[in-house]
Amino acid sequence: MARVFSQEDGNLATRSIITSRAVDYIDIDLTFENKPGAVFDSANSSSNILTDIFKKTDAAAVRQSVKNLLLTNFSEKPFDPYFGGDLNRFLFSLSEEFDEIEIQETIAHAIANYEPRAIVRAIDVKLSPDYNAVFVTVKFQVVNTAQQEEITVSLTRLR
């Protein structure tokens, strides 16, 4: 019995099928520093601002995104009230209503939902109720690479 292919498939024996694709991750550097020698001319509308500022690429872009995600509180992003790690809510009731496991679950849930470029490998949480502080270390792997990254976020309550 012969195989029948649609006309769009063409001859599959001569065409290669792409099974994976290398993806470059590129984000804007949130420091918004100008590149040396770059001058922004507001009168010239054809100037491309993306060539005038630094960019984060690959693992650095994902690391910046994860840190930004963790430090964002719920309802800070318009039209997406559940975006963020909402870690600041843990500062005002340390050691009373929650534990490290709840913080770990919150972080894992936020990264799984809002940062598809990262796979969480480990989350280490240290509570310091005497100093009203939470120290979080997240170890993750960048998708499609074997590169492991680590980010540490410390939150302290100001008086």
C-alpha atoms as a PDB file:
ATOM      1  CA  MET A   1       0.000   0.000   0.000  1.00  0.00           C
ATOM      2  CA  ALA A   2       1.448   3.334  -1.016  1.00  0.00           C
ATOM      3  CA  ARG A   3       1.495   6.362   1.265  1.00  0.00           C
ATOM      4  CA  VAL A   4      -0.520   9.303   0.114  1.00  0.00           C
ATOM      5  CA  PHE A   5       0.581  12.819   1.064  1.00  0.00           C
ATOM      6  CA  SER A   6      -1.215  16.055   0.490  1.00  0.00           C
ATOM      7  CA  GLN A   7       0.101  18.406  -2.133  1.00  0.00           C
ATOM      8  CA  GLU A   8       1.369  20.827   0.562  1.00  0.00           C
ATOM      9  CA  ASP A   9       3.642  18.118   1.980  1.00  0.00           C
ATOM     10  CA  GLY A  10       5.466  17.739  -1.304  1.00  0.00           C
ATOM     11  CA  ASN A  11       8.136  15.062  -1.446  1.00  0.00           C
ATOM     12  CA  LEU A  12       9.043  14.333   2.173  1.00  0.00           C
ATOM     13  CA  ALA A  13      11.967  12.156   1.108  1.00  0.00           C
ATOM     14  CA  THR A  14      13.932  15.158  -0.143  1.00  0.00           C
ATOM     15  CA  ARG A  15      12.963  17.788   2.413  1.00  0.00           C
ATOM     16  CA  SER A  16      14.426  18.000   5.854  1.00  0.00           C
ATOM     17  CA  ILE A  17      12.113  18.261   8.802  1.00  0.00           C
ATOM     18  CA  ILE A  18      13.159  20.712  11.487  1.00  0.00           C
ATOM     19  CA  THR A  19      12.976  19.049  14.888  1.00  0.00           C
ATOM     20  CA  SER A  20      14.510  21.780  17.020  1.00  0.00           C
ATOM     21  CA  ARG A  21      15.400  25.380  16.624  1.00  0.00           C
ATOM     22  CA  ALA A  22      17.955  27.508  18.423  1.00  0.00           C
ATOM     23  CA  VAL A  23      16.207  30.481  19.986  1.00  0.00           C
ATOM     24  CA  ASP A  24      17.976  33.627  21.097  1.00  0.00           C
ATOM     25  CA  TYR A  25      16.481  35.280  24.163  1.00  0.00           C
ATOM     26  CA  ILE A  26      16.809  39.063  23.959  1.00  0.00           C
ATOM     27  CA  ASP A  27      15.419  41.613  26.430  1.00  0.00           C
ATOM     28  CA  ILE A  28      16.027  45.295  27.020  1.00  0.00           C
ATOM     29  CA  ASP A  29      18.458  46.027  29.843  1.00  0.00           C
ATOM     30  CA  LEU A  30      16.323  47.616  32.544  1.00  0.00           C
ATOM     31  CA  THR A  31      19.074  50.019  33.611  1.00  0.00           C
ATOM     32  CA  PHE A  32      18.335  51.920  30.351  1.00  0.00           C
ATOM     33  CA  GLU A  33      21.937  53.057  30.038  1.00  0.00           C
ATOM     34  CA  ASN A  34      22.973  54.501  26.691  1.00  0.00           C
ATOM     35  CA  LYS A  35      25.617  52.787  24.648  1.00  0.00           C
ATOM     36  CA  PRO A  36      28.826  54.817  24.452  1.00  0.00           C
ATOM     37  CA  GLY A  37      28.602  57.158  21.506  1.00  0.00           C
ATOM     38  CA  ALA A  38      24.861  56.712  21.061  1.00  0.00           C
ATOM     39  CA  VAL A  39      22.970  59.989  20.862  1.00  0.00           C
ATOM     40  CA  PHE A  40      19.188  60.114  20.838  1.00  0.00           C
ATOM     41  CA  ASP A  41      17.837  62.803  18.575  1.00  0.00           C
ATOM     42  CA  SER A  42      14.210  63.554  19.395  1.00  0.00           C
ATOM     43  CA  ALA A  43      13.816  65.553  16.164  1.00  0.00           C
ATOM     44  CA  ASN A  44      14.840  62.569  14.051  1.00  0.00           C
ATOM     45  CA  SER A  45      11.942  60.145  14.242  1.00  0.00           C
ATOM     46  CA  SER A  46      13.771  57.529  12.162  1.00  0.00           C
ATOM     47  CA  SER A  47      16.227  56.904  15.012  1.00  0.00           C
ATOM     48  CA  ASN A  48      15.763  53.417  16.447  1.00  0.00           C
ATOM     49  CA  ILE A  49      15.964  53.555  20.223  1.00  0.00           C
ATOM     50  CA  LEU A  50      16.651  49.816  20.466  1.00  0.00           C
ATOM     51  CA  THR A  51      20.062  50.349  18.904  1.00  0.00           C
ATOM     52  CA  ASP A  52      20.897  53.080  21.403  1.00  0.00           C
ATOM     53  CA  ILE A  53      20.527  51.063  24.626  1.00  0.00           C
ATOM     54  CA  PHE A  54      22.090  47.854  25.880  1.00  0.00           C
ATOM     55  CA  LYS A  55      20.314  44.526  25.543  1.00  0.00           C
ATOM     56  CA  LYS A  56      20.428  41.426  27.713  1.00  0.00           C
ATOM     57  CA  THR A  57      20.772  38.168  25.841  1.00  0.00           C
ATOM     58  CA  ASP A  58      20.243  34.487  26.613  1.00  0.00           C
ATOM     59  CA  ALA A  59      20.792  33.569  30.286  1.00  0.00           C
ATOM     60  CA  ALA A  60      21.204  37.188  31.408  1.00  0.00           C
ATOM     61  CA  ALA A  61      17.821  38.057  29.873  1.00  0.00           C
ATOM     62  CA  VAL A  62      16.100  35.169  31.634  1.00  0.00           C
ATOM     63  CA  ARG A  63      17.824  36.000  34.953  1.00  0.00           C
ATOM     64  CA  GLN A  64      16.640  39.623  34.724  1.00  0.00           C
ATOM     65  CA  SER A  65      13.120  38.481  33.888  1.00  0.00           C
ATOM     66  CA  VAL A  66      12.945  36.053  36.825  1.00  0.00           C
ATOM     67  CA  LYS A  67      14.188  38.725  39.241  1.00  0.00           C
ATOM     68  CA  ASN A  68      11.656  41.228  37.883  1.00  0.00           C
ATOM     69  CA  LEU A  69       8.897  38.627  38.204  1.00  0.00           C
ATOM     70  CA  LEU A  70       9.743  37.838  41.830  1.00  0.00           C
ATOM     71  CA  LEU A  71       9.927  41.484  42.883  1.00  0.00           C
ATOM     72  CA  THR A  72       6.592  42.395  41.283  1.00  0.00           C
ATOM     73  CA  ASN A  73       3.568  42.403  43.575  1.00  0.00           C
ATOM     74  CA  PHE A  74       0.099  41.314  42.554  1.00  0.00           C
ATOM     75  CA  SER A  75      -1.962  44.052  40.848  1.00  0.00           C
ATOM     76  CA  GLU A  76       1.121  46.073  39.859  1.00  0.00           C
ATOM     77  CA  LYS A  77       0.870  45.029  36.216  1.00  0.00           C
ATOM     78  CA  PRO A  78      -2.172  46.510  34.499  1.00  0.00           C
ATOM     79  CA  PHE A  79      -4.767  44.034  33.203  1.00  0.00           C
ATOM     80  CA  ASP A  80      -2.975  41.045  34.802  1.00  0.00           C
ATOM     81  CA  PRO A  81      -3.620  41.200  38.563  1.00  0.00           C
ATOM     82  CA  TYR A  82      -1.949  37.843  39.331  1.00  0.00           C
ATOM     83  CA  PHE A  83       1.354  38.588  37.590  1.00  0.00           C
ATOM     84  CA  GLY A  84       4.345  38.491  39.925  1.00  0.00           C
ATOM     85  CA  GLY A  85       5.795  36.674  42.877  1.00  0.00           C
ATOM     86  CA  ASP A  86       4.044  38.859  45.465  1.00  0.00           C
ATOM     87  CA  LEU A  87       6.836  38.260  47.978  1.00  0.00           C
ATOM     88  CA  ASN A  88       6.287  41.518  49.868  1.00  0.00           C
ATOM     89  CA  ARG A  89       3.099  40.167  51.435  1.00  0.00           C
ATOM     90  CA  PHE A  90       5.221  37.688  53.397  1.00  0.00           C
ATOM     91  CA  LEU A  91       7.150  40.465  55.147  1.00  0.00           C
ATOM     92  CA  PHE A  92       4.312  41.684  57.340  1.00  0.00           C
ATOM     93  CA  SER A  93       3.420  38.395  58.966  1.00  0.00           C
ATOM     94  CA  LEU A  94       6.716  36.569  59.279  1.00  0.00           C
ATOM     95  CA  SER A  95       6.692  33.242  61.165  1.00  0.00           C
ATOM     96  CA  GLU A  96       2.994  33.419  62.010  1.00  0.00           C
ATOM     97  CA  GLU A  97       0.800  32.454  59.081  1.00  0.00           C
ATOM     98  CA  PHE A  98       3.095  30.700  56.613  1.00  0.00           C
ATOM     99  CA  ASP A  99       6.366  28.862  56.256  1.00  0.00           C
ATOM    100  CA  GLU A 100       9.147  28.365  53.725  1.00  0.00           C
ATOM    101  CA  ILE A 101       7.131  25.796  51.777  1.00  0.00           C
ATOM    102  CA  GLU A 102       4.381  28.310  50.987  1.00  0.00           C
ATOM    103  CA  ILE A 103       6.950  30.798  49.686  1.00  0.00           C
ATOM    104  CA  GLN A 104       8.570  28.083  47.565  1.00  0.00           C
ATOM    105  CA  GLU A 105       5.208  27.101  46.083  1.00  0.00           C
ATOM    106  CA  THR A 106       4.362  30.731  45.323  1.00  0.00           C
ATOM    107  CA  ILE A 107       7.678  31.268  43.531  1.00  0.00           C
ATOM    108  CA  ALA A 108       7.456  27.998  41.599  1.00  0.00           C
ATOM    109  CA  HIS A 109       3.893  28.821  40.525  1.00  0.00           C
ATOM    110  CA  ALA A 110       4.842  32.340  39.356  1.00  0.00           C
ATOM    111  CA  ILE A 111       7.833  31.145  37.319  1.00  0.00           C
ATOM    112  CA  ALA A 112       5.903  28.239  35.797  1.00  0.00           C
ATOM    113  CA  ASN A 113       3.059  30.548  34.721  1.00  0.00           C
ATOM    114  CA  TYR A 114       4.909  33.671  33.622  1.00  0.00           C
ATOM    115  CA  GLU A 115       8.456  32.712  32.622  1.00  0.00           C
ATOM    116  CA  PRO A 116       8.430  29.827  30.140  1.00  0.00           C
ATOM    117  CA  ARG A 117      12.157  30.257  29.435  1.00  0.00           C
ATOM    118  CA  ALA A 118      13.146  28.987  32.908  1.00  0.00           C
ATOM    119  CA  ILE A 119      12.848  25.566  34.527  1.00  0.00           C
ATOM    120  CA  VAL A 120      13.074  25.747  38.325  1.00  0.00           C
ATOM    121  CA  ARG A 121      15.582  23.320  39.820  1.00  0.00           C
ATOM    122  CA  ALA A 122      15.715  24.455  43.461  1.00  0.00           C
ATOM    123  CA  ILE A 123      14.316  27.178  45.697  1.00  0.00           C
ATOM    124  CA  ASP A 124      15.974  27.978  49.009  1.00  0.00           C
ATOM    125  CA  VAL A 125      14.114  30.265  51.427  1.00  0.00           C
ATOM    126  CA  LYS A 126      15.538  31.663  54.639  1.00  0.00           C
ATOM    127  CA  LEU A 127      13.226  33.543  56.963  1.00  0.00           C
ATOM    128  CA  SER A 128      14.657  36.037  59.389  1.00  0.00           C
ATOM    129  CA  PRO A 129      11.693  37.169  61.519  1.00  0.00           C
ATOM    130  CA  ASP A 130      13.878  39.074  63.983  1.00  0.00           C
ATOM    131  CA  TYR A 131      15.037  41.364  61.173  1.00  0.00           C
ATOM    132  CA  ASN A 132      11.781  41.265  59.171  1.00  0.00           C
ATOM    133  CA  ALA A 133      13.575  39.821  56.160  1.00  0.00           C
ATOM    134  CA  VAL A 134      13.196  37.014  53.624  1.00  0.00           C
ATOM    135  CA  PHE A 135      16.152  35.723  51.602  1.00  0.00           C
ATOM    136  CA  VAL A 136      15.285  33.672  48.520  1.00  0.00           C
ATOM    137  CA  THR A 137      17.699  31.827  46.224  1.00  0.00           C
ATOM    138  CA  VAL A 138      16.273  30.367  43.031  1.00  0.00           C
ATOM    139  CA  LYS A 139      18.290  27.959  40.906  1.00  0.00           C
ATOM    140  CA  PHE A 140      16.913  27.424  37.425  1.00  0.00           C
ATOM    141  CA  GLN A 141      17.877  26.113  34.030  1.00  0.00           C
ATOM    142  CA  VAL A 142      17.430  28.130  30.865  1.00  0.00           C
ATOM    143  CA  VAL A 143      15.197  26.236  28.422  1.00  0.00           C
ATOM    144  CA  ASN A 144      16.977  24.570  25.480  1.00  0.00           C
ATOM    145  CA  THR A 145      20.363  24.862  27.174  1.00  0.00           C
ATOM    146  CA  ALA A 146      22.179  23.016  29.903  1.00  0.00           C
ATOM    147  CA  GLN A 147      23.080  26.297  31.571  1.00  0.00           C
ATOM    148  CA  GLN A 148      22.190  26.561  35.259  1.00  0.00           C
ATOM    149  CA  GLU A 149      21.581  30.020  36.713  1.00  0.00           C
ATOM    150  CA  GLU A 150      21.106  31.264  40.255  1.00  0.00           C
ATOM    151  CA  ILE A 151      19.468  34.415  41.509  1.00  0.00           C
ATOM    152  CA  THR A 152      19.238  35.685  45.074  1.00  0.00           C
ATOM    153  CA  VAL A 153      16.550  38.128  46.160  1.00  0.00           C
ATOM    154  CA  SER A 154      16.456  39.670  49.603  1.00  0.00           C
ATOM    155  CA  LEU A 155      13.415  41.458  50.919  1.00  0.00           C
ATOM    156  CA  THR A 156      13.473  43.561  54.051  1.00  0.00           C
ATOM    157  CA  ARG A 157      10.789  45.634  55.647  1.00  0.00           C
ATOM    158  CA  LEU A 158      11.589  49.316  56.090  1.00  0.00           C
ATOM    159  CA  ARG A 159      10.464  50.998  59.266  1.00  0.00           C
END
